[in-house]
C-alpha cells in the first residue's frame, strides 16, 4: 500500500545514521566545471550529516485534494538550517549550494539566485532526494534538499514554503520550488477532442492509460527535475477547494508560466516515482504547442 507521509523532514545528527541511510559519498569539492566555485573544505561528507528519517516530502505536482489517498494531515512548518556557503554552482534553472551548518554539511538547490562562497544562508529542509543524479552537472548527491527558496541570513523569509503548503492543503500538483501559483478563473475553450481539467478528474478512471488532450494555462513550471520538466495547468474548470481545477504534467518540452498551451499526453493514476513523488492523477510525457 502506497503511503504519502506528511511533509515534515526529520533531522538526524548522528553520523552513524548517515551511513545507514545513504550510499556513497559526495563528490570532492572542485570536481565541477562551468561556473562552479568551491571552498577548501573537505566535501567528502557533504550533504551527509542531515538525513531525512524518510524521504517523503511531496514532489512537483504531488497532490492533496481530489483523488488523493486519505489520512493526510494539515501542512506543518518546515525545518530550516543556517550556515555558510562552501560551494555553489548553477545548472539549468537551479542554483546548488553546499552549506556548512552546526549539524554538518548540507546540499540544497533552489531556483537560481545570487550567492557566493562565504555567504550565510537559511535553507528550508524541503523535498529530500537521496542518491540524486544531476545530469546537467554530471554529479551525484547522496542527499540534497530542493527548497522553495534559499535566503541570505537576515533577509525577509519567503512566503509559505511549497512543501509546507503541499503537505495536504494544496490541490493536485505543485512544484517544490518557486512562488505560489495563480488560479485561473476564466474558462479556456478546449480544442476538438480536448478534455477539460475538471473532466480529467471526473473521468480519470475511464481515461487512465489513454492519451488525452487539454488546452490550459501554465500556472507553474519547474524544469530538469528527475530528467523531466514539470508544470501545472488550469483551464478555469473544476474547483480549487477539492483540487479538480489543476493538473500536473511532465514533458521533455519547455514552456513558461502564463503560456496557454495545448498538450497531449498519457493520463496516469496513482503514479509513484519514489521519494515522495506520488500523484493521484498526472499527465506524462506530454507534447505541447502554444495555443493560437
Protein backbone atom coordinates (compact mmCIF):
# COMPACT_ATOMS: atom_id res chain seq x y z
CA UNK A 1 0.00 0.00 0.00
CA UNK A 2 1.41 3.34 -1.04
CA UNK A 3 1.95 5.92 1.61
CA UNK A 4 2.43 9.63 1.25
CA UNK A 5 3.85 10.83 4.51
CA UNK A 6 3.31 14.29 5.94
CA UNK A 7 5.74 16.82 4.56
CA UNK A 8 7.96 17.30 7.57
CA UNK A 9 11.60 16.45 7.35
CA UNK A 10 13.30 14.95 10.39
CA UNK A 11 16.91 15.88 11.03
CA UNK A 12 19.31 13.19 12.19
CA UNK A 13 22.51 14.50 13.65
CA UNK A 14 24.31 11.23 14.29
CA UNK A 15 26.78 10.45 11.56
CA UNK A 16 26.24 6.78 12.26
CA UNK A 17 22.71 7.15 10.95
CA UNK A 18 24.07 8.62 7.77
CA UNK A 19 25.89 5.52 6.68
CA UNK A 20 22.72 3.54 7.13
CA UNK A 21 20.58 5.98 5.16
CA UNK A 22 22.68 6.93 2.16
CA UNK A 23 25.18 5.20 -0.03
CA UNK A 24 28.40 6.58 -1.40
CA UNK A 25 29.98 9.89 -0.53
CA UNK A 26 29.57 13.32 -2.00
CA UNK A 27 31.99 14.28 -4.76
CA UNK A 28 35.02 16.22 -3.64
CA UNK A 29 34.83 19.97 -3.86
CA UNK A 30 36.23 21.35 -7.08
CA UNK A 31 35.03 18.44 -9.16
CA UNK A 32 32.68 20.64 -11.15
CA UNK A 33 33.30 22.87 -14.14
CA UNK A 34 31.26 25.57 -15.84
CA UNK A 35 30.70 28.22 -13.19
CA UNK A 36 31.31 26.18 -10.03
CA UNK A 37 33.05 27.98 -7.18
CA UNK A 38 34.47 25.98 -4.30
CA UNK A 39 35.89 26.35 -0.82
CA UNK A 40 38.86 24.45 0.50
CA UNK A 41 36.76 22.50 2.99
CA UNK A 42 36.63 18.75 2.65
CA UNK A 43 33.47 17.72 0.77
CA UNK A 44 33.57 14.01 1.49
CA UNK A 45 30.75 14.34 3.98
CA UNK A 46 28.87 17.00 2.06
CA UNK A 47 25.15 16.51 2.32
CA UNK A 48 25.57 13.51 4.60
CA UNK A 49 25.13 14.81 8.13
CA UNK A 50 21.48 15.76 7.82
CA UNK A 51 19.30 12.88 6.76
CA UNK A 52 15.55 12.61 6.38
CA UNK A 53 14.03 9.89 8.52
CA UNK A 54 12.06 9.08 5.38
CA UNK A 55 12.40 10.87 2.06
CA UNK A 56 8.76 11.71 1.96
CA UNK A 57 8.26 15.35 1.21
CA UNK A 58 5.94 15.66 -1.76
CA UNK A 59 7.32 16.41 -5.14
CA UNK A 60 6.49 18.58 -8.12
CA UNK A 61 2.82 18.04 -8.51
CA UNK A 62 2.36 15.75 -5.54
CA UNK A 63 -1.22 16.06 -4.58
CA UNK A 64 -3.52 16.68 -1.77
CA UNK A 65 -7.15 17.16 -2.67
CA UNK A 66 -9.28 15.20 -5.12
CA UNK A 67 -8.29 11.63 -5.84
CA UNK A 68 -5.67 11.65 -3.12
CA UNK A 69 -5.36 8.91 -0.54
CA UNK A 70 -6.96 9.58 2.81
CA UNK A 71 -5.22 10.14 6.09
CA UNK A 72 -3.09 13.17 5.30
CA UNK A 73 -2.93 15.80 7.98
CA UNK A 74 -2.56 19.56 7.64
CA UNK A 75 0.66 21.12 6.45
CA UNK A 76 3.35 21.56 9.07
CA UNK A 77 6.17 24.07 9.40
CA UNK A 78 9.33 23.20 7.52
CA UNK A 79 12.58 22.95 9.46
CA UNK A 80 15.45 25.18 8.40
CA UNK A 81 19.19 25.23 8.94
CA UNK A 82 21.54 28.20 8.77
CA UNK A 83 25.14 28.06 7.68
CA UNK A 84 27.97 29.28 5.47
CA UNK A 85 28.14 28.53 1.76
CA UNK A 86 31.19 26.39 0.98
CA UNK A 87 30.44 25.66 -2.65
CA UNK A 88 27.95 26.88 -5.25
CA UNK A 89 27.12 26.28 -8.89
CA UNK A 90 24.32 26.94 -11.34
CA UNK A 91 22.74 24.31 -13.56
CA UNK A 92 19.71 24.75 -15.78
CA UNK A 93 17.31 26.92 -13.75
CA UNK A 94 18.74 25.97 -10.36
CA UNK A 95 21.46 27.14 -8.00
CA UNK A 96 23.13 24.40 -5.96
CA UNK A 97 24.85 25.17 -2.67
CA UNK A 98 26.83 23.19 -0.13
CA UNK A 99 26.28 24.78 3.25
CA UNK A 100 28.27 24.24 6.43
CA UNK A 101 25.88 24.04 9.39
CA UNK A 102 26.23 23.06 13.02
CA UNK A 103 24.67 19.73 12.06
CA UNK A 104 27.10 19.07 9.23
CA UNK A 105 27.33 19.95 5.56
CA UNK A 106 24.07 20.18 3.62
CA UNK A 107 23.48 20.19 -0.12
CA UNK A 108 20.47 22.14 -1.31
CA UNK A 109 19.11 23.59 -4.55
CA UNK A 110 16.54 26.23 -5.42
CA UNK A 111 15.52 28.42 -8.32
CA UNK A 112 18.57 30.40 -9.43
CA UNK A 113 19.64 33.14 -7.04
CA UNK A 114 22.78 35.20 -6.42
CA UNK A 115 25.05 33.69 -3.80
CA UNK A 116 28.78 33.43 -3.18
CA UNK A 117 31.12 31.28 -1.14
CA UNK A 118 31.18 32.71 2.38
CA UNK A 119 27.60 33.96 2.38
CA UNK A 120 25.43 32.88 5.29
CA UNK A 121 22.15 31.41 4.14
CA UNK A 122 18.97 29.88 5.53
CA UNK A 123 17.95 26.58 3.93
CA UNK A 124 14.48 25.05 4.29
CA UNK A 125 14.87 21.27 4.57
CA UNK A 126 12.28 20.58 1.93
CA UNK A 127 11.93 17.72 -0.51
CA UNK A 128 14.88 15.49 0.33
CA UNK A 129 16.24 13.43 -2.54
CA UNK A 130 18.65 10.60 -1.77
CA UNK A 131 21.20 9.39 -4.33
CA UNK A 132 20.17 12.18 -6.70
CA UNK A 133 21.87 12.41 -10.08
CA UNK A 134 22.19 15.84 -11.72
CA UNK A 135 22.59 15.22 -15.43
CA UNK A 136 23.33 18.90 -16.04
CA UNK A 137 26.20 18.85 -13.54
CA UNK A 138 27.14 15.22 -14.20
CA UNK A 139 27.30 14.85 -10.47
CA UNK A 140 25.76 12.60 -7.83
CA UNK A 141 24.41 13.83 -4.50
CA UNK A 142 23.90 11.29 -1.69
CA UNK A 143 21.34 13.68 -0.21
CA UNK A 144 20.07 17.02 -1.46
CA UNK A 145 17.13 19.22 -0.48
CA UNK A 146 15.11 21.01 -3.17
CA UNK A 147 13.98 24.14 -1.37
CA UNK A 148 11.28 26.65 -2.18
CA UNK A 149 13.70 29.48 -1.62
CA UNK A 150 17.14 29.74 -0.05
CA UNK A 151 17.61 33.13 1.58
CA UNK A 152 20.60 35.01 2.87
CA UNK A 153 20.68 35.36 6.62
CA UNK A 154 18.81 38.48 7.66
CA UNK A 155 16.62 38.63 4.55
CA UNK A 156 12.86 38.58 4.94
CA UNK A 157 11.64 34.98 4.95
CA UNK A 158 9.98 33.60 1.86
CA UNK A 159 6.25 33.12 1.70
CA UNK A 160 4.84 29.83 2.89
CA UNK A 161 7.02 27.08 1.53
CA UNK A 162 5.81 24.89 -1.26
CA UNK A 163 6.44 21.73 0.70
CA UNK A 164 4.56 23.01 3.73
CA UNK A 165 1.70 24.01 1.50
CA UNK A 166 1.78 20.73 -0.39
CA UNK A 167 1.55 18.61 2.72
CA UNK A 168 -2.13 18.01 2.13
CA UNK A 169 -3.50 21.51 1.68
CA UNK A 170 -2.94 22.34 -1.97
CA UNK A 171 -4.75 20.78 -4.91
CA UNK A 172 -3.25 18.13 -7.15
CA UNK A 173 0.02 19.20 -8.49
CA UNK A 174 2.81 21.51 -7.46
CA UNK A 175 6.47 22.15 -7.82
CA UNK A 176 8.82 22.17 -4.88
CA UNK A 177 10.37 25.44 -5.94
CA UNK A 178 9.12 28.84 -6.93
CA UNK A 179 6.31 31.05 -5.78
CA UNK A 180 2.71 30.02 -5.26
CA UNK A 181 0.81 29.59 -8.50
CA UNK A 182 -2.08 31.74 -9.62
CA UNK A 183 -5.63 30.46 -10.07
CA UNK A 184 -7.30 30.60 -13.49
CA UNK A 185 -10.95 31.65 -13.19
CA UNK A 186 -11.94 32.32 -16.82
CA UNK A 187 -12.78 29.15 -18.73
CA UNK A 188 -10.41 28.39 -21.62
CA UNK A 189 -12.18 26.69 -24.56
CA UNK A 190 -10.98 23.22 -25.48
CA UNK A 191 -9.88 22.21 -28.98
CA UNK A 192 -11.67 19.46 -30.90
CA UNK A 193 -11.17 16.25 -28.96
CA UNK A 194 -9.96 18.11 -25.90
CA UNK A 195 -10.94 17.43 -22.29
CA UNK A 196 -11.28 20.00 -19.55
CA UNK A 197 -9.18 19.73 -16.42
CA UNK A 198 -12.29 19.09 -14.33
CA UNK A 199 -13.38 16.31 -16.71
CA UNK A 200 -9.94 14.69 -16.47
CA UNK A 201 -10.50 14.35 -12.73
CA UNK A 202 -14.13 13.29 -13.02
CA UNK A 203 -13.43 10.66 -15.68
CA UNK A 204 -9.93 9.71 -14.56
CA UNK A 205 -10.67 6.01 -14.16
CA UNK A 206 -12.09 5.70 -17.67
CA UNK A 207 -9.23 7.77 -19.13
CA UNK A 208 -6.41 6.03 -17.27
CA UNK A 209 -3.66 4.84 -19.61
CA UNK A 210 -5.14 6.69 -22.58
CA UNK A 211 -3.90 9.75 -24.48
CA UNK A 212 -5.68 12.95 -23.50
CA UNK A 213 -5.59 16.46 -24.91
CA UNK A 214 -6.21 19.62 -22.93
CA UNK A 215 -5.77 23.33 -23.57
CA UNK A 216 -4.96 25.33 -20.47
CA UNK A 217 -2.78 27.97 -18.91
CA UNK A 218 0.60 27.19 -17.37
CA UNK A 219 0.42 28.38 -13.76
CA UNK A 220 3.69 26.90 -12.54
CA UNK A 221 6.80 25.43 -14.18
CA UNK A 222 9.95 23.72 -12.93
CA UNK A 223 12.49 22.23 -15.28
CA UNK A 224 15.06 19.48 -15.04
CA UNK A 225 13.75 17.57 -12.03
CA UNK A 226 14.40 13.84 -12.36
CA UNK A 227 15.09 14.40 -16.05
CA UNK A 228 11.67 15.93 -16.70
CA UNK A 229 10.01 19.31 -16.88
CA UNK A 230 7.05 19.63 -14.51
CA UNK A 231 4.23 22.10 -14.86
CA UNK A 232 0.68 22.76 -13.72
CA UNK A 233 -2.23 23.52 -15.98
CA UNK A 234 -5.56 25.19 -15.21
CA UNK A 235 -8.36 25.98 -17.66
CA UNK A 236 -10.89 27.64 -15.36
CA UNK A 237 -12.88 24.46 -14.74
CA UNK A 238 -13.06 22.44 -11.54
CA UNK A 239 -12.80 23.85 -8.05
CA UNK A 240 -9.78 24.94 -6.08
CA UNK A 241 -11.24 23.55 -2.85
CA UNK A 242 -11.07 19.92 -3.96
CA UNK A 243 -8.15 20.38 -6.35
CA UNK A 244 -10.02 19.48 -9.53
CA UNK A 245 -9.00 22.80 -11.13
CA UNK A 246 -5.34 21.82 -11.54
CA UNK A 247 -3.48 19.02 -13.32
CA UNK A 248 0.21 18.12 -13.18
CA UNK A 249 2.06 17.43 -16.42
CA UNK A 250 5.52 16.11 -17.24
CA UNK A 251 7.19 16.76 -20.57
CA UNK A 252 10.54 16.95 -22.29
CA UNK A 253 9.43 20.25 -23.83
CA UNK A 254 9.71 23.60 -22.13
CA UNK A 255 7.10 26.25 -21.53
CA UNK A 256 6.68 29.14 -19.11
CA UNK A 257 4.18 30.46 -16.62
CA UNK A 258 1.46 32.40 -18.40
CA UNK A 259 1.57 30.43 -21.65
CA UNK A 260 -1.69 28.96 -22.91
CA UNK A 261 -0.76 25.61 -24.39
CA UNK A 262 -2.40 22.59 -25.90
CA UNK A 263 -0.86 19.36 -24.64
CA UNK A 264 -1.34 15.71 -25.45
CA UNK A 265 -0.04 13.03 -23.12
CA UNK A 266 -0.96 9.86 -21.28
CA UNK A 267 -3.19 10.12 -18.22
CA UNK A 268 -1.79 8.03 -15.38
CA UNK A 269 -3.33 7.27 -11.99
CA UNK A 270 -1.58 6.68 -8.68
CA UNK A 271 1.86 7.32 -10.12
CA UNK A 272 4.67 6.91 -7.58
CA UNK A 273 8.16 7.96 -8.64
CA UNK A 274 9.59 7.22 -5.20
CA UNK A 275 10.99 9.64 -2.62
CA UNK A 276 7.52 11.05 -2.08
CA UNK A 277 6.83 11.76 -5.76
CA UNK A 278 3.29 10.35 -5.71
CA UNK A 279 0.36 11.55 -7.79
CA UNK A 280 -3.29 10.63 -7.80
CA UNK A 281 -3.56 11.90 -11.39
CA UNK A 282 -0.82 13.06 -13.73
CA UNK A 283 -0.33 13.51 -17.49
CA UNK A 284 3.00 12.06 -18.53
CA UNK A 285 5.35 12.54 -21.49
CA UNK A 286 3.21 15.31 -22.94
CA UNK A 287 3.88 17.12 -26.20
CA UNK A 288 3.00 20.79 -26.01
CA UNK A 289 2.33 23.52 -28.57
CA UNK A 290 1.38 27.14 -27.88
CA UNK A 291 -2.31 27.77 -28.43
CA UNK A 292 -3.07 30.10 -31.32
